């Protein structure tokens, strides 16, 4: 296995990071390859043909006997040239320089092992082409948010023989995403998924990718009545998983087995493998009953649409064409963002002014010249801009009273937007319904507490290395306190503490921490089932 590692490093040294990201190349660790191969080979006299739909450097096939008939696909000729070296001692290896998703659906295989490409798919020019291919074959219309790696799973399973087994290492996010509903429906319909091993989001199986990983194990020889979910909190637990696989059907479960009849594709599957404590709280309702969470503004070219004072003056652009805007999450450090805070960002010459213009504004010669500069730089040909008319008319959205960061390695960070500034996609916007506009600070007080972050935390998506992400839908469906159950006296107490915390926001004092603890304790009491 040292040979593979040295060639892997050689390949990394000879290619750019952008090239590897373009093809979604993240290489499987040896100890994972062994586990995936063992699932296919244990007590299995049927396997004679193996498929790797995204063979890369051949890491996944190294644990198979070297005389096994193996077919490997990859659309990157550069990596296939390396694969011929890493797998030179395989006597029956057939490498195909082809996109697996475009290959024939007719041939079947006794074993399939796969680490599909992982990259941003939403803005991929071929996204709709791939989705159309699967719809033509299966009659299923998958969401435009579907990630490419799930399409590999579906097509590969379609080509699994009647006695075949398959194992995959893939990100976990589809199990807990809205787009994953149809994927899970398809998987459950096959009745061949027996085991899912998920890694805690603090663990990382891939050095270069901030994503959580899961192992999926399928077997057409045995109809599945249950799925066993094993959740890893330490990588050393993979030793027990490997031992478990050797006699999987005879062993007692080491994880949690769920009957197929109890599995719902509409639920986030994390509830099947992660423990949660929301049941101990009462008076909870979805956030969507009180307001709406939407994403921030997507410009398609931040460096063009968001500029600093120096650039604005250099291009002689009128301030009237810009709105104050937060562009990066690190621009806010506390829970309150004021006009003073914004002015400090502006004084630091940060790009916190968002261009918002219409066609009528182009009578201004300086503005017209700036727009033409954008066209010269082909900003108008980018994915988002070319779908807008005119291309330079960015999204407009009213400033939200409360913002929340999209990514976090710790807890959610809610921001009271007192400066009334706009924001890009580093933050989500929280808009309250008309009936609750007078209680913005009450909601903000709740969002600042540990108990709110704990309860909402069940809805985050895991991206590995401790990185968590919330989509607007996750927060809209997330549970928060039912403010209508809070008495007027309790509201006064909450607002009093909130005002003290707000006043001391710039002071890292013991009293401020004490006030936050008291605020949290008050909400815990209100949520208590007692």
Protein backbone atom coordinates (compact mmCIF):
# COMPACT_ATOMS: atom_id res chain seq x y z
CA UNK A 1 0.00 0.00 0.00
CA UNK A 2 2.99 2.32 0.28
CA UNK A 3 3.23 2.18 -3.50
CA UNK A 4 -0.25 3.62 -3.83
CA UNK A 5 0.49 6.36 -1.34
CA UNK A 6 3.67 7.43 -3.10
CA UNK A 7 1.98 7.54 -6.50
CA UNK A 8 -0.97 9.39 -4.97
CA UNK A 9 1.42 12.03 -3.69
CA UNK A 10 3.13 12.12 -7.07
CA UNK A 11 -0.21 12.70 -8.76
CA UNK A 12 -1.10 15.47 -6.32
CA UNK A 13 2.27 17.11 -6.96
CA UNK A 14 1.79 16.96 -10.72
CA UNK A 15 -1.75 18.41 -10.81
CA UNK A 16 -3.29 21.60 -9.59
CA UNK A 17 -5.85 21.80 -6.82
CA UNK A 18 -8.30 23.37 -9.28
CA UNK A 19 -7.89 20.37 -11.60
CA UNK A 20 -8.62 17.90 -8.80
CA UNK A 21 -11.60 19.95 -7.62
CA UNK A 22 -12.93 20.16 -11.18
CA UNK A 23 -13.09 16.35 -11.32
CA UNK A 24 -14.14 15.97 -7.68
CA UNK A 25 -11.06 13.88 -6.81
CA UNK A 26 -10.63 12.91 -3.16
CA UNK A 27 -8.69 9.72 -2.55
CA UNK A 28 -9.96 6.93 -0.33
CA UNK A 29 -7.81 5.99 2.69
CA UNK A 30 -6.48 2.42 2.63
CA UNK A 31 -8.34 1.33 5.76
CA UNK A 32 -11.65 2.36 4.16
CA UNK A 33 -10.80 0.56 0.92
CA UNK A 34 -10.24 -2.65 2.89
CA UNK A 35 -13.65 -2.42 4.58
CA UNK A 36 -15.51 -1.69 1.34
CA UNK A 37 -13.83 -4.62 -0.42
CA UNK A 38 -14.46 -7.01 2.48
CA UNK A 39 -18.21 -6.41 2.20
CA UNK A 40 -18.13 -7.69 -1.38
CA UNK A 41 -15.84 -10.67 -0.79
CA UNK A 42 -16.93 -12.10 2.59
CA UNK A 43 -18.59 -15.54 2.24
CA UNK A 44 -19.36 -14.66 -1.37
CA UNK A 45 -18.72 -17.22 -4.13
CA UNK A 46 -20.68 -15.19 -6.67
CA UNK A 47 -18.43 -12.24 -7.41
CA UNK A 48 -16.53 -12.57 -10.68
CA UNK A 49 -16.80 -9.04 -12.09
CA UNK A 50 -16.08 -5.82 -10.19
CA UNK A 51 -17.01 -2.27 -11.20
CA UNK A 52 -15.46 0.94 -9.92
CA UNK A 53 -17.47 3.76 -11.54
CA UNK A 54 -14.91 6.43 -10.52
CA UNK A 55 -11.65 4.52 -10.27
CA UNK A 56 -9.30 7.46 -9.79
CA UNK A 57 -5.90 6.09 -8.75
CA UNK A 58 -7.32 2.63 -8.08
CA UNK A 59 -7.25 2.81 -4.28
CA UNK A 60 -10.55 0.95 -3.89
CA UNK A 61 -9.59 -2.11 -5.94
CA UNK A 62 -6.27 -2.80 -4.20
CA UNK A 63 -7.87 -5.18 -1.68
CA UNK A 64 -9.27 -7.49 -4.37
CA UNK A 65 -7.33 -10.48 -5.78
CA UNK A 66 -5.24 -9.17 -8.65
CA UNK A 67 -6.66 -11.65 -11.15
CA UNK A 68 -10.22 -10.37 -10.59
CA UNK A 69 -12.02 -9.02 -13.65
CA UNK A 70 -12.37 -5.31 -12.89
CA UNK A 71 -13.82 -2.47 -14.97
CA UNK A 72 -12.92 1.08 -13.95
CA UNK A 73 -14.36 4.31 -15.35
CA UNK A 74 -12.93 7.81 -15.16
CA UNK A 75 -13.36 10.85 -17.39
CA UNK A 76 -9.96 12.28 -16.48
CA UNK A 77 -7.29 10.90 -18.81
CA UNK A 78 -4.51 12.32 -16.63
CA UNK A 79 -5.48 10.24 -13.63
CA UNK A 80 -5.96 7.10 -15.72
CA UNK A 81 -2.36 7.39 -16.85
CA UNK A 82 -1.33 7.19 -13.20
CA UNK A 83 -3.78 4.34 -12.56
CA UNK A 84 -2.01 2.17 -15.10
CA UNK A 85 1.04 2.44 -12.84
CA UNK A 86 -0.74 1.95 -9.51
CA UNK A 87 -2.57 -1.10 -10.85
CA UNK A 88 0.07 -2.53 -13.18
CA UNK A 89 -0.05 -5.91 -11.41
CA UNK A 90 -3.79 -6.39 -12.07
CA UNK A 91 -4.00 -8.91 -14.92
CA UNK A 92 -7.66 -8.41 -15.81
CA UNK A 93 -8.23 -4.68 -15.40
CA UNK A 94 -10.17 -2.78 -18.05
CA UNK A 95 -9.91 1.02 -17.78
CA UNK A 96 -12.53 3.11 -19.55
CA UNK A 97 -11.85 6.77 -20.36
CA UNK A 98 -15.51 7.70 -20.12
CA UNK A 99 -17.95 9.42 -17.82
CA UNK A 100 -19.73 6.58 -16.00
CA UNK A 101 -23.01 8.50 -16.01
CA UNK A 102 -22.88 8.50 -19.83
CA UNK A 103 -21.96 4.83 -20.15
CA UNK A 104 -24.32 1.98 -21.00
CA UNK A 105 -26.92 0.97 -18.43
CA UNK A 106 -27.17 -2.60 -19.73
CA UNK A 107 -24.11 -4.38 -18.30
CA UNK A 108 -24.34 -5.75 -14.75
CA UNK A 109 -21.63 -6.48 -12.19
CA UNK A 110 -21.32 -8.85 -9.23
CA UNK A 111 -19.50 -6.31 -7.11
CA UNK A 112 -19.48 -2.52 -7.16
CA UNK A 113 -17.17 -0.41 -5.06
CA UNK A 114 -17.18 3.34 -5.39
CA UNK A 115 -15.99 6.69 -4.07
CA UNK A 116 -17.94 8.97 -6.46
CA UNK A 117 -16.69 12.42 -7.44
CA UNK A 118 -17.59 15.10 -4.95
CA UNK A 119 -17.80 18.72 -6.05
CA UNK A 120 -20.23 21.61 -6.29
CA UNK A 121 -22.89 20.39 -8.69
CA UNK A 122 -25.54 23.09 -8.44
CA UNK A 123 -23.83 25.39 -10.93
CA UNK A 124 -22.37 22.64 -13.13
CA UNK A 125 -23.19 23.34 -16.78
CA UNK A 126 -23.92 19.61 -17.34
CA UNK A 127 -26.16 19.28 -14.28
CA UNK A 128 -29.44 19.27 -16.17
CA UNK A 129 -28.00 16.93 -18.79
CA UNK A 130 -27.19 14.35 -16.11
CA UNK A 131 -30.56 14.75 -14.43
CA UNK A 132 -32.30 14.29 -17.77
CA UNK A 133 -30.30 11.10 -18.42
CA UNK A 134 -31.53 9.54 -15.18
CA UNK A 135 -35.09 10.67 -15.79
CA UNK A 136 -35.04 9.02 -19.21
CA UNK A 137 -33.77 5.75 -17.75
CA UNK A 138 -35.76 5.58 -14.50
CA UNK A 139 -38.72 7.90 -15.01
CA UNK A 140 -37.74 9.78 -11.86
CA UNK A 141 -37.32 13.56 -11.89
CA UNK A 142 -34.66 14.43 -9.34
CA UNK A 143 -34.27 17.85 -7.77
CA UNK A 144 -31.92 20.39 -9.32
CA UNK A 145 -30.16 20.50 -5.93
CA UNK A 146 -29.22 16.81 -6.24
CA UNK A 147 -25.49 16.24 -5.86
CA UNK A 148 -23.64 14.30 -8.53
CA UNK A 149 -22.36 11.61 -6.17
CA UNK A 150 -25.92 10.39 -5.52
CA UNK A 151 -26.45 9.92 -9.27
CA UNK A 152 -23.45 7.57 -9.26
CA UNK A 153 -25.05 5.53 -6.47
CA UNK A 154 -28.35 5.22 -8.33
CA UNK A 155 -26.88 4.25 -11.70
CA UNK A 156 -24.42 1.82 -10.10
CA UNK A 157 -27.18 0.06 -8.14
CA UNK A 158 -29.18 -0.25 -11.36
CA UNK A 159 -26.24 -2.23 -12.77
CA UNK A 160 -25.78 -4.50 -9.74
CA UNK A 161 -26.41 -8.15 -10.64
CA UNK A 162 -29.07 -10.26 -8.91
CA UNK A 163 -26.41 -11.80 -6.66
CA UNK A 164 -24.35 -8.62 -6.44
CA UNK A 165 -23.04 -6.62 -3.52
CA UNK A 166 -22.04 -2.96 -3.51
CA UNK A 167 -20.28 -0.62 -1.11
CA UNK A 168 -19.85 3.14 -1.30
CA UNK A 169 -18.15 5.92 0.59
CA UNK A 170 -20.09 9.15 0.09
CA UNK A 171 -20.93 12.39 1.92
CA UNK A 172 -23.76 12.16 4.46
CA UNK A 173 -25.62 15.31 3.47
CA UNK A 174 -28.23 13.73 1.17
CA UNK A 175 -29.65 11.77 4.12
CA UNK A 176 -30.59 15.04 5.81
CA UNK A 177 -31.37 17.29 2.82
CA UNK A 178 -34.61 18.02 1.04
CA UNK A 179 -33.18 16.90 -2.30
CA UNK A 180 -32.33 13.56 -0.70
CA UNK A 181 -35.99 12.53 -0.27
CA UNK A 182 -36.23 11.00 -3.74
CA UNK A 183 -32.81 9.41 -3.37
CA UNK A 184 -33.89 7.70 -0.15
CA UNK A 185 -37.17 6.66 -1.75
CA UNK A 186 -35.21 4.95 -4.51
CA UNK A 187 -32.83 3.24 -2.08
CA UNK A 188 -35.63 1.90 0.11
CA UNK A 189 -37.51 0.62 -2.91
CA UNK A 190 -34.55 -1.65 -3.81
CA UNK A 191 -34.72 -3.50 -0.46
CA UNK A 192 -30.99 -4.20 -0.59
CA UNK A 193 -29.49 -1.59 1.74
CA UNK A 194 -28.36 -3.42 4.89
CA UNK A 195 -25.82 -1.24 6.65
CA UNK A 196 -25.02 2.47 6.93
CA UNK A 197 -21.95 3.64 8.85
CA UNK A 198 -21.81 7.37 9.53
CA UNK A 199 -18.86 9.37 10.85
CA UNK A 200 -19.46 12.12 13.39
CA UNK A 201 -19.05 15.54 11.83
CA UNK A 202 -15.92 16.18 13.92
CA UNK A 203 -14.19 13.25 12.18
CA UNK A 204 -12.57 13.58 8.77
CA UNK A 205 -11.82 10.71 6.41
CA UNK A 206 -10.53 13.01 3.68
CA UNK A 207 -7.82 15.56 4.39
CA UNK A 208 -8.76 17.95 1.59
CA UNK A 209 -12.56 17.81 1.83
CA UNK A 210 -14.71 19.46 4.48
CA UNK A 211 -17.46 16.88 4.32
CA UNK A 212 -18.80 14.19 6.58
CA UNK A 213 -18.58 10.66 5.27
CA UNK A 214 -20.82 7.62 5.31
CA UNK A 215 -20.34 4.04 4.19
CA UNK A 216 -23.26 2.32 2.47
CA UNK A 217 -23.47 -1.45 2.05
CA UNK A 218 -25.91 -3.15 -0.37
CA UNK A 219 -26.55 -6.87 -1.01
CA UNK A 220 -28.93 -8.31 -3.61
CA UNK A 221 -28.44 -11.85 -2.28
CA UNK A 222 -30.45 -11.10 0.88
CA UNK A 223 -33.63 -9.05 0.99
CA UNK A 224 -33.26 -6.33 3.58
CA UNK A 225 -35.92 -6.05 6.28
CA UNK A 226 -33.86 -3.74 8.45
CA UNK A 227 -31.04 -1.24 8.08
CA UNK A 228 -28.36 -1.16 10.73
CA UNK A 229 -27.02 2.33 11.46
CA UNK A 230 -23.60 2.61 13.12
CA UNK A 231 -22.45 6.07 14.16
CA UNK A 232 -18.72 6.56 14.65
CA UNK A 233 -17.44 9.00 17.23
CA UNK A 234 -13.85 7.78 16.91
CA UNK A 235 -12.08 6.36 13.86
CA UNK A 236 -10.75 3.45 15.92
CA UNK A 237 -14.33 2.11 15.93
CA UNK A 238 -13.84 1.18 12.27
CA UNK A 239 -11.96 -1.92 13.50
CA UNK A 240 -15.19 -3.17 15.07
CA UNK A 241 -17.07 -2.38 11.84
CA UNK A 242 -14.62 -4.43 9.80
CA UNK A 243 -14.96 -7.38 12.21
CA UNK A 244 -18.74 -7.01 12.13
CA UNK A 245 -18.84 -7.24 8.34
CA UNK A 246 -16.99 -10.58 8.29
CA UNK A 247 -20.08 -12.33 9.75
CA UNK A 248 -22.65 -9.62 9.28
CA UNK A 249 -25.73 -11.81 8.95
CA UNK A 250 -24.83 -13.98 11.95
CA UNK A 251 -23.72 -11.21 14.30
CA UNK A 252 -25.79 -9.27 16.76
CA UNK A 253 -26.03 -5.60 15.72
CA UNK A 254 -23.37 -3.28 17.07
CA UNK A 255 -25.41 -0.28 15.97
CA UNK A 256 -29.10 0.51 15.79
CA UNK A 257 -31.33 -1.58 13.55
CA UNK A 258 -34.43 0.05 12.10
CA UNK A 259 -37.20 -1.89 10.35
CA UNK A 260 -37.74 -0.85 6.74
CA UNK A 261 -41.40 -0.15 7.57
CA UNK A 262 -40.29 2.46 10.12
CA UNK A 263 -37.91 4.25 7.76
CA UNK A 264 -39.28 7.40 6.17
CA UNK A 265 -37.56 9.06 3.20
CA UNK A 266 -39.16 12.34 4.24
CA UNK A 267 -37.32 12.43 7.58
CA UNK A 268 -33.76 13.47 8.21
CA UNK A 269 -32.09 10.12 8.72
CA UNK A 270 -29.81 11.51 11.40
CA UNK A 271 -32.61 10.77 13.84
CA UNK A 272 -31.95 7.07 13.19
CA UNK A 273 -28.28 7.25 14.14
CA UNK A 274 -27.86 10.30 16.40
CA UNK A 275 -29.28 10.77 19.87
CA UNK A 276 -31.41 13.85 20.44
CA UNK A 277 -33.02 15.35 23.52
CA UNK A 278 -35.70 17.61 22.11
CA UNK A 279 -38.41 15.42 23.59
CA UNK A 280 -37.73 16.80 27.06
CA UNK A 281 -38.88 20.28 26.01
CA UNK A 282 -42.39 21.62 25.54
CA UNK A 283 -43.86 24.75 23.91
CA UNK A 284 -41.90 24.36 20.67
CA UNK A 285 -43.08 25.29 17.19
CA UNK A 286 -41.38 25.50 13.78
CA UNK A 287 -39.74 28.84 13.15
CA UNK A 288 -41.81 29.06 9.94
CA UNK A 289 -44.93 29.72 12.05
CA UNK A 290 -43.44 33.03 13.16
CA UNK A 291 -41.51 34.13 10.11
CA UNK A 292 -39.35 33.04 7.23
CA UNK A 293 -35.65 32.36 6.68
CA UNK A 294 -34.19 33.08 3.24
CA UNK A 295 -30.67 33.01 1.90
CA UNK A 296 -28.63 36.15 1.41
CA UNK A 297 -28.08 37.91 -1.90
CA UNK A 298 -26.11 35.97 -4.52
CA UNK A 299 -24.32 38.31 -6.90
CA UNK A 300 -22.48 35.82 -9.10
CA UNK A 301 -19.36 38.01 -8.96
CA UNK A 302 -18.74 39.57 -5.56
CA UNK A 303 -15.51 41.28 -6.60
CA UNK A 304 -17.44 43.27 -9.22
CA UNK A 305 -20.67 44.02 -7.38
CA UNK A 306 -19.17 44.67 -3.93
CA UNK A 307 -16.53 47.36 -3.77
CA UNK A 308 -14.61 49.43 -1.25
CA UNK A 309 -14.45 53.19 -0.96
CA UNK A 310 -11.15 53.48 -2.82
CA UNK A 311 -12.49 51.63 -5.85
CA UNK A 312 -15.77 53.51 -5.79
CA UNK A 313 -13.97 56.83 -5.89
CA UNK A 314 -11.49 55.62 -8.47
CA UNK A 315 -14.33 54.69 -10.82
CA UNK A 316 -16.17 57.92 -9.89
CA UNK A 317 -19.31 56.00 -8.98
CA UNK A 318 -22.09 57.80 -7.15
CA UNK A 319 -22.86 56.50 -3.65
CA UNK A 320 -26.54 56.47 -4.62
CA UNK A 321 -25.90 53.32 -6.66
CA UNK A 322 -24.82 51.31 -3.61
CA UNK A 323 -26.40 49.87 -0.49
CA UNK A 324 -24.50 48.95 2.70
CA UNK A 325 -23.88 45.21 2.70
CA UNK A 326 -22.17 42.54 4.78
CA UNK A 327 -20.16 40.32 2.46
CA UNK A 328 -18.19 38.02 4.80
CA UNK A 329 -19.14 36.34 8.06
CA UNK A 330 -15.98 37.53 9.85
CA UNK A 331 -17.13 41.14 9.42
CA UNK A 332 -19.44 40.65 12.41
CA UNK A 333 -17.93 39.61 15.73
CA UNK A 334 -20.79 40.05 18.19
CA UNK A 335 -24.54 39.59 18.38
CA UNK A 336 -25.32 43.20 17.49
CA UNK A 337 -24.35 45.05 14.33
CA UNK A 338 -24.77 48.83 14.38
CA UNK A 339 -24.15 51.75 12.02
CA UNK A 340 -20.97 52.43 13.99
CA UNK A 341 -19.80 48.88 13.19
CA UNK A 342 -20.59 49.39 9.52
CA UNK A 343 -18.71 52.69 9.40
CA UNK A 344 -15.66 50.94 10.85
CA UNK A 345 -15.76 48.37 8.04
CA UNK A 346 -16.04 51.17 5.51
CA UNK A 347 -13.12 53.00 7.09
CA UNK A 348 -11.02 49.83 6.79
CA UNK A 349 -11.64 50.01 3.04
CA UNK A 350 -13.51 46.68 2.98
CA UNK A 351 -15.82 45.87 0.04
CA UNK A 352 -19.09 46.40 1.90
CA UNK A 353 -20.99 48.45 -0.70
CA UNK A 354 -23.29 46.48 -2.99
CA UNK A 355 -24.04 47.79 -6.47
CA UNK A 356 -27.79 47.92 -7.16
CA UNK A 357 -28.72 49.62 -10.43
CA UNK A 358 -31.27 49.43 -13.26
CA UNK A 359 -31.03 50.07 -16.99
CA UNK A 360 -32.29 53.63 -16.51
CA UNK A 361 -29.22 54.41 -14.38
CA UNK A 362 -26.86 53.87 -17.32
CA UNK A 363 -27.39 57.43 -18.44
CA UNK A 364 -24.61 58.08 -15.92
CA UNK A 365 -21.46 57.84 -18.05
CA UNK A 366 -19.24 56.76 -15.16
CA UNK A 367 -21.62 53.95 -14.22
CA UNK A 368 -21.92 52.89 -17.87
CA UNK A 369 -18.14 52.74 -18.13
CA UNK A 370 -17.99 50.50 -15.04
CA UNK A 371 -20.61 48.16 -16.50
CA UNK A 372 -18.61 47.96 -19.72
CA UNK A 373 -15.52 47.08 -17.70
CA UNK A 374 -17.51 44.17 -16.29
CA UNK A 375 -18.39 43.00 -19.78
CA UNK A 376 -14.75 43.25 -20.85
CA UNK A 377 -13.88 41.03 -17.88
CA UNK A 378 -16.72 38.67 -18.98
CA UNK A 379 -18.55 39.10 -15.68
CA UNK A 380 -21.76 39.02 -17.75
CA UNK A 381 -20.95 35.47 -18.89
CA UNK A 382 -20.79 33.91 -15.44
CA UNK A 383 -23.36 31.36 -14.37
CA UNK A 384 -25.67 33.63 -12.38
CA UNK A 385 -25.16 36.85 -14.32
CA UNK A 386 -25.89 35.37 -17.73
CA UNK A 387 -29.29 34.23 -16.47
CA UNK A 388 -30.24 37.77 -15.44
CA UNK A 389 -31.66 40.50 -17.66
CA UNK A 390 -29.89 42.82 -17.58
CA UNK A 391 -26.91 40.90 -16.27
CA UNK A 392 -25.80 43.67 -13.89
CA UNK A 393 -29.16 43.90 -12.07
CA UNK A 394 -28.42 42.04 -8.85
CA UNK A 395 -31.02 40.63 -6.50
CA UNK A 396 -32.87 43.09 -4.32
CA UNK A 397 -33.95 42.14 -0.84
CA UNK A 398 -35.07 44.15 2.13
CA UNK A 399 -32.55 44.16 4.99
CA UNK A 400 -33.50 41.53 7.56
CA UNK A 401 -33.82 42.44 11.25
CA UNK A 402 -31.98 39.27 12.29
CA UNK A 403 -29.16 37.49 10.47
CA UNK A 404 -27.63 34.08 11.08
CA UNK A 405 -24.35 32.71 9.80
CA UNK A 406 -24.54 29.85 7.29
CA UNK A 407 -21.41 27.94 8.34
CA UNK A 408 -20.11 27.39 11.84
CA UNK A 409 -17.59 25.24 13.65
CA UNK A 410 -19.19 25.97 16.98
CA UNK A 411 -22.71 27.26 17.59
CA UNK A 412 -24.99 29.28 15.39
CA UNK A 413 -24.32 33.01 15.52
CA UNK A 414 -27.39 35.23 15.38
CA UNK A 415 -26.95 38.94 14.67
CA UNK A 416 -29.38 41.73 15.43
CA UNK A 417 -29.08 43.88 12.31
CA UNK A 418 -29.57 47.29 13.87
CA UNK A 419 -27.65 48.95 11.03
CA UNK A 420 -30.30 47.73 8.60
CA UNK A 421 -27.72 46.59 6.06
CA UNK A 422 -28.11 44.02 3.30
CA UNK A 423 -26.13 40.79 3.28
CA UNK A 424 -24.67 38.27 0.88
CA UNK A 425 -24.94 34.47 1.16
CA UNK A 426 -22.53 34.23 4.11
CA UNK A 427 -25.64 34.95 6.19
CA UNK A 428 -29.27 33.89 6.05
CA UNK A 429 -32.03 36.45 6.61
CA UNK A 430 -34.75 36.02 9.25
CA UNK A 431 -37.93 37.99 8.53
CA UNK A 432 -40.73 37.89 11.09
CA UNK A 433 -44.40 37.86 10.20
CA UNK A 434 -46.30 41.13 10.62
CA UNK A 435 -47.89 39.99 13.87
CA UNK A 436 -44.46 39.58 15.51
CA UNK A 437 -42.62 42.68 14.29
CA UNK A 438 -42.97 44.28 17.71
CA UNK A 439 -41.20 41.33 19.29
CA UNK A 440 -37.99 41.20 17.23
CA UNK A 441 -35.87 41.67 20.35
CA UNK A 442 -37.75 38.90 22.15
CA UNK A 443 -36.88 36.48 19.34
CA UNK A 444 -33.31 37.74 19.30
CA UNK A 445 -33.04 37.22 23.05
CA UNK A 446 -34.07 33.58 22.56
CA UNK A 447 -31.71 33.03 19.62
CA UNK A 448 -28.75 34.20 21.74
CA UNK A 449 -29.23 31.41 24.30
CA UNK A 450 -27.53 28.04 24.44
CA UNK A 451 -30.87 26.26 24.64
CA UNK A 452 -32.03 27.70 21.32
CA UNK A 453 -28.79 26.65 19.62
CA UNK A 454 -29.03 23.19 21.13
CA UNK A 455 -32.55 22.63 19.81
CA UNK A 456 -31.94 24.17 16.39
CA UNK A 457 -28.69 22.23 16.21
CA UNK A 458 -30.57 19.05 15.39
CA UNK A 459 -31.26 20.49 11.94
CA UNK A 460 -27.74 21.32 10.82
CA UNK A 461 -25.93 19.59 7.97
CA UNK A 462 -22.56 18.08 8.65
CA UNK A 463 -19.57 18.88 6.46
CA UNK A 464 -16.74 17.26 8.38
CA UNK A 465 -13.86 18.62 10.46
CA UNK A 466 -16.47 20.13 12.80
CA UNK A 467 -18.01 22.28 10.08
CA UNK A 468 -21.79 22.69 10.26
CA UNK A 469 -24.10 24.28 7.73
CA UNK A 470 -27.71 25.43 7.91
CA UNK A 471 -29.83 25.87 4.81
CA UNK A 472 -32.87 28.19 5.01
CA UNK A 473 -35.18 25.16 4.95
CA UNK A 474 -33.35 23.63 7.90
CA UNK A 475 -34.00 26.73 9.98
CA UNK A 476 -37.57 27.18 8.78
CA UNK A 477 -38.32 23.64 9.92
CA UNK A 478 -36.28 24.05 13.11
CA UNK A 479 -38.11 24.27 16.41
CA UNK A 480 -38.08 27.41 18.54
CA UNK A 481 -40.00 28.54 21.60
CA UNK A 482 -43.65 29.36 21.05
CA UNK A 483 -43.53 33.02 22.03
CA UNK A 484 -47.33 33.11 22.32
CA UNK A 485 -47.03 30.96 25.46
CA UNK A 486 -44.75 33.47 27.22
CA UNK A 487 -46.51 35.59 29.83
CA UNK A 488 -46.23 39.39 29.82
CA UNK A 489 -44.25 39.29 33.06
CA UNK A 490 -41.77 36.80 31.61
CA UNK A 491 -41.47 38.96 28.48
CA UNK A 492 -40.59 41.95 30.66
CA UNK A 493 -37.95 39.89 32.47
CA UNK A 494 -36.51 38.69 29.17
CA UNK A 495 -36.42 42.18 27.68
CA UNK A 496 -34.76 43.53 30.81
CA UNK A 497 -31.93 40.98 30.57
CA UNK A 498 -31.68 41.50 26.83
CA UNK A 499 -31.30 45.26 27.27
CA UNK A 500 -28.48 44.73 29.81
CA UNK A 501 -26.68 42.34 27.47
CA UNK A 502 -27.15 44.76 24.57
CA UNK A 503 -25.74 47.63 26.63
CA UNK A 504 -22.66 45.63 27.60
CA UNK A 505 -22.04 44.08 24.17
CA UNK A 506 -18.55 45.57 23.88
CA UNK A 507 -17.57 44.66 27.41
CA UNK A 508 -16.33 41.15 28.05
CA UNK A 509 -17.45 41.25 31.63
CA UNK A 510 -18.43 38.65 34.18
CA UNK A 511 -21.80 40.36 34.59
CA UNK A 512 -22.56 40.00 30.87
CA UNK A 513 -21.83 36.28 30.99
CA UNK A 514 -23.99 36.03 34.09
CA UNK A 515 -26.86 37.81 32.33
CA UNK A 516 -26.63 35.38 29.39
CA UNK A 517 -26.74 32.46 31.81
CA UNK A 518 -29.80 33.94 33.51
CA UNK A 519 -31.46 34.50 30.14
CA UNK A 520 -30.75 30.91 29.14
CA UNK A 521 -32.08 29.60 32.46
CA UNK A 522 -35.27 31.59 32.02
CA UNK A 523 -35.93 30.10 28.59
CA UNK A 524 -35.07 26.59 29.83
CA UNK A 525 -37.69 27.03 32.55
CA UNK A 526 -40.26 28.22 30.00
CA UNK A 527 -39.55 25.19 27.81
CA UNK A 528 -39.68 22.76 30.69
CA UNK A 529 -42.26 19.99 30.52
CA UNK A 530 -42.70 20.20 34.31
